[in-house]
Amino acid sequence: MRAILLILILGVVALIAAIATGFLDISQTRGARAPNVEASEGTIRATGGQSPAFEVQTGSVEVGSREANVDMPKVEVKRDKTKVDVPVVQVRRPEEVQQNAAR
């Protein structure tokens, strides 16, 4: 539930930021009109309303790549033989431990 609420809040903030920066322009081209309902002498007559219409203009974002000269570090790995002490683990069965203790 918290995740849905967080996503909704981020969406509203992104919409506000898009409108504030001029990236998104929303203009209402047709107003809304509620339906007309009349009741007289036991009959009900209703005429349909009108939904609003909007014109939305958005900016565009282009993503691409270009060539550029950039200083990059060069890393080299060299392997040399060096003598070091490494840990050793020996696993013995209980029978082997008892045989070595008896000797």
PDB file of N, CA and C in Angstrom:
ATOM      1  N   MET A   1       0.830  -1.189   0.000  1.00  0.00           N
ATOM      2  CA  MET A   1       0.000   0.000   0.000  1.00  0.00           C
ATOM      3  C   MET A   1       0.874   1.252   0.000  1.00  0.00           C
ATOM      4  N   ARG A   2       1.936   1.205   0.789  1.00  0.00           N
ATOM      5  CA  ARG A   2       2.845   2.362   0.837  1.00  0.00           C
ATOM      6  C   ARG A   2       3.527   2.578  -0.498  1.00  0.00           C
ATOM      7  N   ALA A   3       3.864   1.476  -1.177  1.00  0.00           N
ATOM      8  CA  ALA A   3       4.542   1.589  -2.472  1.00  0.00           C
ATOM      9  C   ALA A   3       3.617   2.248  -3.493  1.00  0.00           C
ATOM     10  N   ILE A   4       2.349   1.863  -3.492  1.00  0.00           N
ATOM     11  CA  ILE A   4       1.397   2.458  -4.425  1.00  0.00           C
ATOM     12  C   ILE A   4       1.234   3.948  -4.139  1.00  0.00           C
ATOM     13  N   LEU A   5       1.139   4.291  -2.867  1.00  0.00           N
ATOM     14  CA  LEU A   5       1.005   5.699  -2.479  1.00  0.00           C
ATOM     15  C   LEU A   5       2.247   6.490  -2.888  1.00  0.00           C
ATOM     16  N   LEU A   6       3.419   5.924  -2.703  1.00  0.00           N
ATOM     17  CA  LEU A   6       4.663   6.585  -3.093  1.00  0.00           C
ATOM     18  C   LEU A   6       4.726   6.799  -4.604  1.00  0.00           C
ATOM     19  N   ILE A   7       4.338   5.791  -5.379  1.00  0.00           N
ATOM     20  CA  ILE A   7       4.327   5.926  -6.834  1.00  0.00           C
ATOM     21  C   ILE A   7       3.343   7.001  -7.264  1.00  0.00           C
ATOM     22  N   LEU A   8       2.179   7.050  -6.648  1.00  0.00           N
ATOM     23  CA  LEU A   8       1.190   8.071  -6.960  1.00  0.00           C
ATOM     24  C   LEU A   8       1.715   9.470  -6.653  1.00  0.00           C
ATOM     25  N   ILE A   9       2.360   9.640  -5.510  1.00  0.00           N
ATOM     26  CA  ILE A   9       2.930  10.938  -5.137  1.00  0.00           C
ATOM     27  C   ILE A   9       4.015  11.350  -6.125  1.00  0.00           C
ATOM     28  N   LEU A  10       4.891  10.416  -6.509  1.00  0.00           N
ATOM     29  CA  LEU A  10       5.950  10.728  -7.472  1.00  0.00           C
ATOM     30  C   LEU A  10       5.366  11.109  -8.831  1.00  0.00           C
ATOM     31  N   GLY A  11       4.281  10.453  -9.235  1.00  0.00           N
ATOM     32  CA  GLY A  11       3.630  10.795 -10.494  1.00  0.00           C
ATOM     33  C   GLY A  11       3.057  12.198 -10.479  1.00  0.00           C
ATOM     34  N   VAL A  12       2.424  12.577  -9.366  1.00  0.00           N
ATOM     35  CA  VAL A  12       1.860  13.921  -9.246  1.00  0.00           C
ATOM     36  C   VAL A  12       2.970  14.966  -9.248  1.00  0.00           C
ATOM     37  N   VAL A  13       4.050  14.703  -8.531  1.00  0.00           N
ATOM     38  CA  VAL A  13       5.177  15.641  -8.496  1.00  0.00           C
ATOM     39  C   VAL A  13       5.791  15.785  -9.884  1.00  0.00           C
ATOM     40  N   ALA A  14       5.927  14.671 -10.625  1.00  0.00           N
ATOM     41  CA  ALA A  14       6.478  14.726 -11.985  1.00  0.00           C
ATOM     42  C   ALA A  14       5.553  15.519 -12.907  1.00  0.00           C
ATOM     43  N   LEU A  15       4.242  15.355 -12.757  1.00  0.00           N
ATOM     44  CA  LEU A  15       3.288  16.117 -13.572  1.00  0.00           C
ATOM     45  C   LEU A  15       3.376  17.607 -13.271  1.00  0.00           C
ATOM     46  N   ILE A  16       3.458  17.954 -11.995  1.00  0.00           N
ATOM     47  CA  ILE A  16       3.584  19.371 -11.605  1.00  0.00           C
ATOM     48  C   ILE A  16       4.883  19.959 -12.148  1.00  0.00           C
ATOM     49  N   ALA A  17       5.972  19.202 -12.055  1.00  0.00           N
ATOM     50  CA  ALA A  17       7.259  19.691 -12.562  1.00  0.00           C
ATOM     51  C   ALA A  17       7.214  19.866 -14.078  1.00  0.00           C
ATOM     52  N   ALA A  18       6.546  18.954 -14.791  1.00  0.00           N
ATOM     53  CA  ALA A  18       6.461  19.061 -16.248  1.00  0.00           C
ATOM     54  C   ALA A  18       5.656  20.289 -16.663  1.00  0.00           C
ATOM     55  N   ILE A  19       4.590  20.573 -15.951  1.00  0.00           N
ATOM     56  CA  ILE A  19       3.778  21.751 -16.276  1.00  0.00           C
ATOM     57  C   ILE A  19       4.525  23.029 -15.897  1.00  0.00           C
ATOM     58  N   ALA A  20       5.200  23.028 -14.755  1.00  0.00           N
ATOM     59  CA  ALA A  20       5.907  24.232 -14.290  1.00  0.00           C
ATOM     60  C   ALA A  20       7.073  24.601 -15.201  1.00  0.00           C
ATOM     61  N   THR A  21       7.740  23.627 -15.783  1.00  0.00           N
ATOM     62  CA  THR A  21       8.888  23.912 -16.635  1.00  0.00           C
ATOM     63  C   THR A  21       8.490  24.171 -18.085  1.00  0.00           C
ATOM     64  N   GLY A  22       7.226  24.010 -18.419  1.00  0.00           N
ATOM     65  CA  GLY A  22       6.767  24.244 -19.777  1.00  0.00           C
ATOM     66  C   GLY A  22       6.927  23.044 -20.682  1.00  0.00           C
ATOM     67  N   PHE A  23       7.318  21.909 -20.145  1.00  0.00           N
ATOM     68  CA  PHE A  23       7.470  20.691 -20.930  1.00  0.00           C
ATOM     69  C   PHE A  23       6.107  20.133 -21.330  1.00  0.00           C
ATOM     70  N   LEU A  24       5.082  20.426 -20.543  1.00  0.00           N
ATOM     71  CA  LEU A  24       3.733  19.934 -20.785  1.00  0.00           C
ATOM     72  C   LEU A  24       2.774  21.113 -20.740  1.00  0.00           C
ATOM     73  N   ASP A  25       1.963  21.268 -21.789  1.00  0.00           N
ATOM     74  CA  ASP A  25       0.991  22.360 -21.864  1.00  0.00           C
ATOM     75  C   ASP A  25      -0.381  21.754 -22.103  1.00  0.00           C
ATOM     76  N   ILE A  26      -1.302  21.954 -21.165  1.00  0.00           N
ATOM     77  CA  ILE A  26      -2.657  21.416 -21.266  1.00  0.00           C
ATOM     78  C   ILE A  26      -3.624  22.587 -21.385  1.00  0.00           C
ATOM     79  N   SER A  27      -4.433  22.588 -22.467  1.00  0.00           N
ATOM     80  CA  SER A  27      -5.425  23.641 -22.687  1.00  0.00           C
ATOM     81  C   SER A  27      -6.793  22.997 -22.846  1.00  0.00           C
ATOM     82  N   GLN A  28      -7.785  23.538 -22.160  1.00  0.00           N
ATOM     83  CA  GLN A  28      -9.142  23.020 -22.292  1.00  0.00           C
ATOM     84  C   GLN A  28      -9.788  23.671 -23.515  1.00  0.00           C
ATOM     85  N   THR A  29     -10.251  22.840 -24.467  1.00  0.00           N
ATOM     86  CA  THR A  29     -10.842  23.363 -25.696  1.00  0.00           C
ATOM     87  C   THR A  29     -12.370  23.330 -25.670  1.00  0.00           C
ATOM     88  N   ARG A  30     -12.960  22.502 -24.823  1.00  0.00           N
ATOM     89  CA  ARG A  30     -14.414  22.423 -24.715  1.00  0.00           C
ATOM     90  C   ARG A  30     -14.771  22.219 -23.244  1.00  0.00           C
ATOM     91  N   GLY A  31     -15.667  23.012 -22.748  1.00  0.00           N
ATOM     92  CA  GLY A  31     -16.070  22.918 -21.354  1.00  0.00           C
ATOM     93  C   GLY A  31     -17.007  21.755 -21.092  1.00  0.00           C
ATOM     94  N   ALA A  32     -17.146  21.416 -19.830  1.00  0.00           N
ATOM     95  CA  ALA A  32     -18.034  20.331 -19.431  1.00  0.00           C
ATOM     96  C   ALA A  32     -19.433  20.889 -19.180  1.00  0.00           C
ATOM     97  N   ARG A  33     -20.440  20.042 -19.431  1.00  0.00           N
ATOM     98  CA  ARG A  33     -21.815  20.431 -19.158  1.00  0.00           C
ATOM     99  C   ARG A  33     -22.504  19.245 -18.515  1.00  0.00           C
ATOM    100  N   ALA A  34     -23.146  19.473 -17.386  1.00  0.00           N
ATOM    101  CA  ALA A  34     -23.826  18.400 -16.662  1.00  0.00           C
ATOM    102  C   ALA A  34     -25.099  18.011 -17.409  1.00  0.00           C
ATOM    103  N   PRO A  35     -25.547  16.766 -17.266  1.00  0.00           N
ATOM    104  CA  PRO A  35     -26.799  16.365 -17.896  1.00  0.00           C
ATOM    105  C   PRO A  35     -27.981  17.109 -17.265  1.00  0.00           C
ATOM    106  N   ASN A  36     -28.998  17.320 -18.046  1.00  0.00           N
ATOM    107  CA  ASN A  36     -30.191  18.022 -17.573  1.00  0.00           C
ATOM    108  C   ASN A  36     -31.266  16.981 -17.286  1.00  0.00           C
ATOM    109  N   VAL A  37     -31.757  16.939 -16.064  1.00  0.00           N
ATOM    110  CA  VAL A  37     -32.787  15.980 -15.662  1.00  0.00           C
ATOM    111  C   VAL A  37     -34.016  16.756 -15.205  1.00  0.00           C
ATOM    112  N   GLU A  38     -35.185  16.438 -15.804  1.00  0.00           N
ATOM    113  CA  GLU A  38     -36.437  17.095 -15.436  1.00  0.00           C
ATOM    114  C   GLU A  38     -37.453  16.036 -15.026  1.00  0.00           C
ATOM    115  N   ALA A  39     -38.159  16.301 -13.964  1.00  0.00           N
ATOM    116  CA  ALA A  39     -39.223  15.398 -13.517  1.00  0.00           C
ATOM    117  C   ALA A  39     -40.529  16.195 -13.453  1.00  0.00           C
ATOM    118  N   SER A  40     -41.529  15.741 -14.194  1.00  0.00           N
ATOM    119  CA  SER A  40     -42.821  16.410 -14.150  1.00  0.00           C
ATOM    120  C   SER A  40     -43.917  15.401 -14.476  1.00  0.00           C
ATOM    121  N   GLU A  41     -44.996  15.480 -13.727  1.00  0.00           N
ATOM    122  CA  GLU A  41     -46.184  14.644 -13.908  1.00  0.00           C
ATOM    123  C   GLU A  41     -45.839  13.169 -13.987  1.00  0.00           C
ATOM    124  N   GLY A  42     -44.956  12.698 -13.128  1.00  0.00           N
ATOM    125  CA  GLY A  42     -44.621  11.277 -13.044  1.00  0.00           C
ATOM    126  C   GLY A  42     -43.659  10.783 -14.107  1.00  0.00           C
ATOM    127  N   THR A  43     -43.127  11.660 -14.914  1.00  0.00           N
ATOM    128  CA  THR A  43     -42.148  11.242 -15.918  1.00  0.00           C
ATOM    129  C   THR A  43     -40.813  11.935 -15.666  1.00  0.00           C
ATOM    130  N   ILE A  44     -39.800  11.255 -16.057  1.00  0.00           N
ATOM    131  CA  ILE A  44     -38.452  11.829 -15.913  1.00  0.00           C
ATOM    132  C   ILE A  44     -37.847  11.922 -17.307  1.00  0.00           C
ATOM    133  N   ARG A  45     -37.385  13.111 -17.643  1.00  0.00           N
ATOM    134  CA  ARG A  45     -36.720  13.322 -18.916  1.00  0.00           C
ATOM    135  C   ARG A  45     -35.288  13.781 -18.633  1.00  0.00           C
ATOM    136  N   ALA A  46     -34.365  13.183 -19.356  1.00  0.00           N
ATOM    137  CA  ALA A  46     -32.952  13.544 -19.175  1.00  0.00           C
ATOM    138  C   ALA A  46     -32.333  13.792 -20.541  1.00  0.00           C
ATOM    139  N   THR A  47     -31.548  14.834 -20.621  1.00  0.00           N
ATOM    140  CA  THR A  47     -30.767  15.101 -21.824  1.00  0.00           C
ATOM    141  C   THR A  47     -29.298  14.991 -21.454  1.00  0.00           C
ATOM    142  N   GLY A  48     -28.534  14.459 -22.363  1.00  0.00           N
ATOM    143  CA  GLY A  48     -27.126  14.202 -22.087  1.00  0.00           C
ATOM    144  C   GLY A  48     -26.312  15.459 -21.872  1.00  0.00           C
ATOM    145  N   GLY A  49     -25.246  15.303 -21.130  1.00  0.00           N
ATOM    146  CA  GLY A  49     -24.323  16.410 -20.895  1.00  0.00           C
ATOM    147  C   GLY A  49     -23.204  16.380 -21.909  1.00  0.00           C
ATOM    148  N   GLN A  50     -22.135  17.026 -21.554  1.00  0.00           N
ATOM    149  CA  GLN A  50     -20.982  17.094 -22.459  1.00  0.00           C
ATOM    150  C   GLN A  50     -19.716  16.933 -21.638  1.00  0.00           C
ATOM    151  N   SER A  51     -18.820  16.073 -22.106  1.00  0.00           N
ATOM    152  CA  SER A  51     -17.546  15.905 -21.408  1.00  0.00           C
ATOM    153  C   SER A  51     -16.561  16.972 -21.897  1.00  0.00           C
ATOM    154  N   PRO A  52     -15.635  17.332 -21.060  1.00  0.00           N
ATOM    155  CA  PRO A  52     -14.672  18.347 -21.482  1.00  0.00           C
ATOM    156  C   PRO A  52     -13.678  17.765 -22.485  1.00  0.00           C
ATOM    157  N   ALA A  53     -13.078  18.636 -23.263  1.00  0.00           N
ATOM    158  CA  ALA A  53     -12.030  18.225 -24.207  1.00  0.00           C
ATOM    159  C   ALA A  53     -10.780  19.057 -23.913  1.00  0.00           C
ATOM    160  N   PHE A  54      -9.643  18.420 -24.083  1.00  0.00           N
ATOM    161  CA  PHE A  54      -8.372  19.074 -23.788  1.00  0.00           C
ATOM    162  C   PHE A  54      -7.422  18.902 -24.955  1.00  0.00           C
ATOM    163  N   GLU A  55      -6.555  19.864 -25.140  1.00  0.00           N
ATOM    164  CA  GLU A  55      -5.471  19.769 -26.103  1.00  0.00           C
ATOM    165  C   GLU A  55      -4.174  19.735 -25.301  1.00  0.00           C
ATOM    166  N   VAL A  56      -3.384  18.724 -25.552  1.00  0.00           N
ATOM    167  CA  VAL A  56      -2.143  18.539 -24.799  1.00  0.00           C
ATOM    168  C   VAL A  56      -0.968  18.631 -25.761  1.00  0.00           C
ATOM    169  N   GLN A  57      -0.023  19.496 -25.445  1.00  0.00           N
ATOM    170  CA  GLN A  57       1.200  19.613 -26.229  1.00  0.00           C
ATOM    171  C   GLN A  57       2.369  19.284 -25.312  1.00  0.00           C
ATOM    172  N   THR A  58       3.206  18.398 -25.778  1.00  0.00           N
ATOM    173  CA  THR A  58       4.357  17.992 -24.968  1.00  0.00           C
ATOM    174  C   THR A  58       5.650  18.319 -25.696  1.00  0.00           C
ATOM    175  N   GLY A  59       6.689  18.472 -24.929  1.00  0.00           N
ATOM    176  CA  GLY A  59       8.027  18.643 -25.485  1.00  0.00           C
ATOM    177  C   GLY A  59       8.561  17.293 -25.909  1.00  0.00           C
ATOM    178  N   SER A  60       9.772  17.269 -26.382  1.00  0.00           N
ATOM    179  CA  SER A  60      10.373  15.997 -26.782  1.00  0.00           C
ATOM    180  C   SER A  60      11.739  15.850 -26.133  1.00  0.00           C
ATOM    181  N   VAL A  61      12.119  14.612 -25.948  1.00  0.00           N
ATOM    182  CA  VAL A  61      13.424  14.283 -25.379  1.00  0.00           C
ATOM    183  C   VAL A  61      14.118  13.365 -26.365  1.00  0.00           C
ATOM    184  N   GLU A  62      15.318  13.703 -26.740  1.00  0.00           N
ATOM    185  CA  GLU A  62      16.092  12.865 -27.648  1.00  0.00           C
ATOM    186  C   GLU A  62      17.289  12.294 -26.897  1.00  0.00           C
ATOM    187  N   VAL A  63      17.487  11.021 -27.055  1.00  0.00           N
ATOM    188  CA  VAL A  63      18.606  10.342 -26.413  1.00  0.00           C
ATOM    189  C   VAL A  63      19.472   9.750 -27.506  1.00  0.00           C
ATOM    190  N   GLY A  64      20.751   9.970 -27.419  1.00  0.00           N
ATOM    191  CA  GLY A  64      21.660   9.443 -28.432  1.00  0.00           C
ATOM    192  C   GLY A  64      23.070   9.377 -27.900  1.00  0.00           C
ATOM    193  N   SER A  65      24.005   9.283 -28.806  1.00  0.00           N
ATOM    194  CA  SER A  65      25.410   9.243 -28.397  1.00  0.00           C
ATOM    195  C   SER A  65      26.230  10.006 -29.427  1.00  0.00           C
ATOM    196  N   ARG A  66      27.426  10.387 -29.019  1.00  0.00           N
ATOM    197  CA  ARG A  66      28.347  11.060 -29.918  1.00  0.00           C
ATOM    198  C   ARG A  66      29.754  10.673 -29.507  1.00  0.00           C
ATOM    199  N   GLU A  67      30.672  10.831 -30.410  1.00  0.00           N
ATOM    200  CA  GLU A  67      32.060  10.510 -30.114  1.00  0.00           C
ATOM    201  C   GLU A  67      32.719  11.673 -29.401  1.00  0.00           C
ATOM    202  N   ALA A  68      33.562  11.342 -28.427  1.00  0.00           N
ATOM    203  CA  ALA A  68      34.303  12.368 -27.703  1.00  0.00           C
ATOM    204  C   ALA A  68      35.622  11.760 -27.232  1.00  0.00           C
ATOM    205  N   ASN A  69      36.626  12.595 -27.091  1.00  0.00           N
ATOM    206  CA  ASN A  69      37.909  12.164 -26.551  1.00  0.00           C
ATOM    207  C   ASN A  69      37.894  12.388 -25.041  1.00  0.00           C
ATOM    208  N   VAL A  70      38.079  11.304 -24.321  1.00  0.00           N
ATOM    209  CA  VAL A  70      38.021  11.353 -22.867  1.00  0.00           C
ATOM    210  C   VAL A  70      39.261  10.667 -22.321  1.00  0.00           C
ATOM    211  N   ASP A  71      39.889  11.262 -21.315  1.00  0.00           N
ATOM    212  CA  ASP A  71      41.042  10.634 -20.664  1.00  0.00           C
ATOM    213  C   ASP A  71      40.553   9.466 -19.819  1.00  0.00           C
ATOM    214  N   MET A  72      41.078   8.285 -20.104  1.00  0.00           N
ATOM    215  CA  MET A  72      40.695   7.094 -19.372  1.00  0.00           C
ATOM    216  C   MET A  72      41.934   6.502 -18.710  1.00  0.00           C
ATOM    217  N   PRO A  73      41.829   6.091 -17.455  1.00  0.00           N
ATOM    218  CA  PRO A  73      42.984   5.454 -16.817  1.00  0.00           C
ATOM    219  C   PRO A  73      43.206   4.054 -17.400  1.00  0.00           C
ATOM    220  N   LYS A  74      44.456   3.667 -17.461  1.00  0.00           N
ATOM    221  CA  LYS A  74      44.795   2.344 -17.970  1.00  0.00           C
ATOM    222  C   LYS A  74      45.281   1.508 -16.793  1.00  0.00           C
ATOM    223  N   VAL A  75      44.657   0.394 -16.583  1.00  0.00           N
ATOM    224  CA  VAL A  75      44.986  -0.484 -15.462  1.00  0.00           C
ATOM    225  C   VAL A  75      45.585  -1.755 -16.023  1.00  0.00           C
ATOM    226  N   GLU A  76      46.737  -2.135 -15.483  1.00  0.00           N
ATOM    227  CA  GLU A  76      47.394  -3.360 -15.901  1.00  0.00           C
ATOM    228  C   GLU A  76      47.538  -4.281 -14.702  1.00  0.00           C
ATOM    229  N   VAL A  77      47.338  -5.559 -14.929  1.00  0.00           N
ATOM    230  CA  VAL A  77      47.487  -6.563 -13.876  1.00  0.00           C
ATOM    231  C   VAL A  77      48.606  -7.500 -14.294  1.00  0.00           C
ATOM    232  N   LYS A  78      49.617  -7.611 -13.432  1.00  0.00           N
ATOM    233  CA  LYS A  78      50.742  -8.495 -13.716  1.00  0.00           C
ATOM    234  C   LYS A  78      50.735  -9.606 -12.671  1.00  0.00           C
ATOM    235  N   ARG A  79      51.071 -10.818 -13.137  1.00  0.00           N
ATOM    236  CA  ARG A  79      51.118 -11.951 -12.221  1.00  0.00           C
ATOM    237  C   ARG A  79      52.567 -12.387 -12.064  1.00  0.00           C
ATOM    238  N   ASP A  80      53.007 -12.482 -10.814  1.00  0.00           N
ATOM    239  CA  ASP A  80      54.342 -12.976 -10.502  1.00  0.00           C
ATOM    240  C   ASP A  80      54.192 -14.119  -9.504  1.00  0.00           C
ATOM    241  N   LYS A  81      55.109 -15.048  -9.560  1.00  0.00           N
ATOM    242  CA  LYS A  81      55.122 -16.146  -8.593  1.00  0.00           C
ATOM    243  C   LYS A  81      55.803 -15.655  -7.323  1.00  0.00           C
ATOM    244  N   THR A  82      55.091 -15.709  -6.211  1.00  0.00           N
ATOM    245  CA  THR A  82      55.626 -15.280  -4.924  1.00  0.00           C
ATOM    246  C   THR A  82      55.293 -16.360  -3.906  1.00  0.00           C
ATOM    247  N   LYS A  83      56.228 -16.628  -3.024  1.00  0.00           N
ATOM    248  CA  LYS A  83      56.019 -17.646  -2.005  1.00  0.00           C
ATOM    249  C   LYS A  83      55.350 -16.995  -0.798  1.00  0.00           C
ATOM    250  N   VAL A  84      54.192 -17.532  -0.418  1.00  0.00           N
ATOM    251  CA  VAL A  84      53.437 -17.025   0.726  1.00  0.00           C
ATOM    252  C   VAL A  84      52.908 -18.207   1.519  1.00  0.00           C
ATOM    253  N   ASP A  85      52.597 -17.968   2.782  1.00  0.00           N
ATOM    254  CA  ASP A  85      51.971 -18.990   3.617  1.00  0.00           C
ATOM    255  C   ASP A  85      50.465 -18.895   3.436  1.00  0.00           C
ATOM    256  N   VAL A  86      49.863 -20.044   3.153  1.00  0.00           N
ATOM    257  CA  VAL A  86      48.412 -20.090   2.980  1.00  0.00           C
ATOM    258  C   VAL A  86      47.818 -20.982   4.059  1.00  0.00           C
ATOM    259  N   PRO A  87      46.615 -20.729   4.474  1.00  0.00           N
ATOM    260  CA  PRO A  87      46.010 -21.573   5.502  1.00  0.00           C
ATOM    261  C   PRO A  87      45.692 -22.964   4.948  1.00  0.00           C
ATOM    262  N   VAL A  88      45.794 -23.951   5.820  1.00  0.00           N
ATOM    263  CA  VAL A  88      45.524 -25.335   5.443  1.00  0.00           C
ATOM    264  C   VAL A  88      44.463 -25.874   6.384  1.00  0.00           C
ATOM    265  N   VAL A  89      43.519 -26.586   5.837  1.00  0.00           N
ATOM    266  CA  VAL A  89      42.470 -27.206   6.638  1.00  0.00           C
ATOM    267  C   VAL A  89      42.521 -28.698   6.376  1.00  0.00           C
ATOM    268  N   GLN A  90      42.617 -29.466   7.442  1.00  0.00           N
ATOM    269  CA  GLN A  90      42.610 -30.919   7.322  1.00  0.00           C
ATOM    270  C   GLN A  90      41.360 -31.442   8.004  1.00  0.00           C
ATOM    271  N   VAL A  91      40.655 -32.295   7.299  1.00  0.00           N
ATOM    272  CA  VAL A  91      39.447 -32.899   7.847  1.00  0.00           C
ATOM    273  C   VAL A  91      39.714 -34.386   8.022  1.00  0.00           C
ATOM    274  N   ARG A  92      39.522 -34.863   9.243  1.00  0.00           N
ATOM    275  CA  ARG A  92      39.747 -36.280   9.534  1.00  0.00           C
ATOM    276  C   ARG A  92      38.479 -36.874  10.119  1.00  0.00           C
ATOM    277  N   ARG A  93      38.262 -38.127   9.796  1.00  0.00           N
ATOM    278  CA  ARG A  93      37.129 -38.849  10.372  1.00  0.00           C
ATOM    279  C   ARG A  93      37.467 -39.214  11.812  1.00  0.00           C
ATOM    280  N   PRO A  94      36.434 -39.450  12.622  1.00  0.00           N
ATOM    281  CA  PRO A  94      36.698 -39.793  14.028  1.00  0.00           C
ATOM    282  C   PRO A  94      37.580 -41.030  14.193  1.00  0.00           C
ATOM    283  N   GLU A  95      37.456 -42.003  13.287  1.00  0.00           N
ATOM    284  CA  GLU A  95      38.286 -43.214  13.393  1.00  0.00           C
ATOM    285  C   GLU A  95      39.765 -42.883  13.210  1.00  0.00           C
ATOM    286  N   GLU A  96      40.063 -41.966  12.279  1.00  0.00           N
ATOM    287  CA  GLU A  96      41.446 -41.590  12.024  1.00  0.00           C
ATOM    288  C   GLU A  96      42.044 -40.854  13.220  1.00  0.00           C
ATOM    289  N   VAL A  97      41.250 -40.039  13.895  1.00  0.00           N
ATOM    290  CA  VAL A  97      41.734 -39.302  15.069  1.00  0.00           C
ATOM    291  C   VAL A  97      42.080 -40.296  16.179  1.00  0.00           C
ATOM    292  N   GLN A  98      41.246 -41.299  16.398  1.00  0.00           N
ATOM    293  CA  GLN A  98      41.502 -42.277  17.451  1.00  0.00           C
ATOM    294  C   GLN A  98      42.723 -43.133  17.114  1.00  0.00           C
ATOM    295  N   GLN A  99      42.928 -43.467  15.834  1.00  0.00           N
ATOM    296  CA  GLN A  99      44.087 -44.270  15.443  1.00  0.00           C
ATOM    297  C   GLN A  99      45.375 -43.464  15.634  1.00  0.00           C
ATOM    298  N   ASN A 100      45.388 -42.184  15.326  1.00  0.00           N
ATOM    299  CA  ASN A 100      46.575 -41.372  15.510  1.00  0.00           C
ATOM    300  C   ASN A 100      46.868 -41.145  16.983  1.00  0.00           C
ATOM    301  N   ALA A 101      45.852 -41.072  17.814  1.00  0.00           N
ATOM    302  CA  ALA A 101      46.047 -40.881  19.255  1.00  0.00           C
ATOM    303  C   ALA A 101      46.620 -42.142  19.885  1.00  0.00           C
ATOM    304  N   ALA A 102      46.277 -43.305  19.357  1.00  0.00           N
ATOM    305  CA  ALA A 102      46.757 -44.573  19.910  1.00  0.00           C
ATOM    306  C   ALA A 102      48.216 -44.827  19.555  1.00  0.00           C
ATOM    307  N   ARG A 103      48.731 -44.240  18.565  1.00  0.00           N
ATOM    308  CA  ARG A 103      50.128 -44.458  18.149  1.00  0.00           C
ATOM    309  C   ARG A 103      51.084 -43.827  19.046  1.00  0.00           C
TER     310      ARG A 103
END
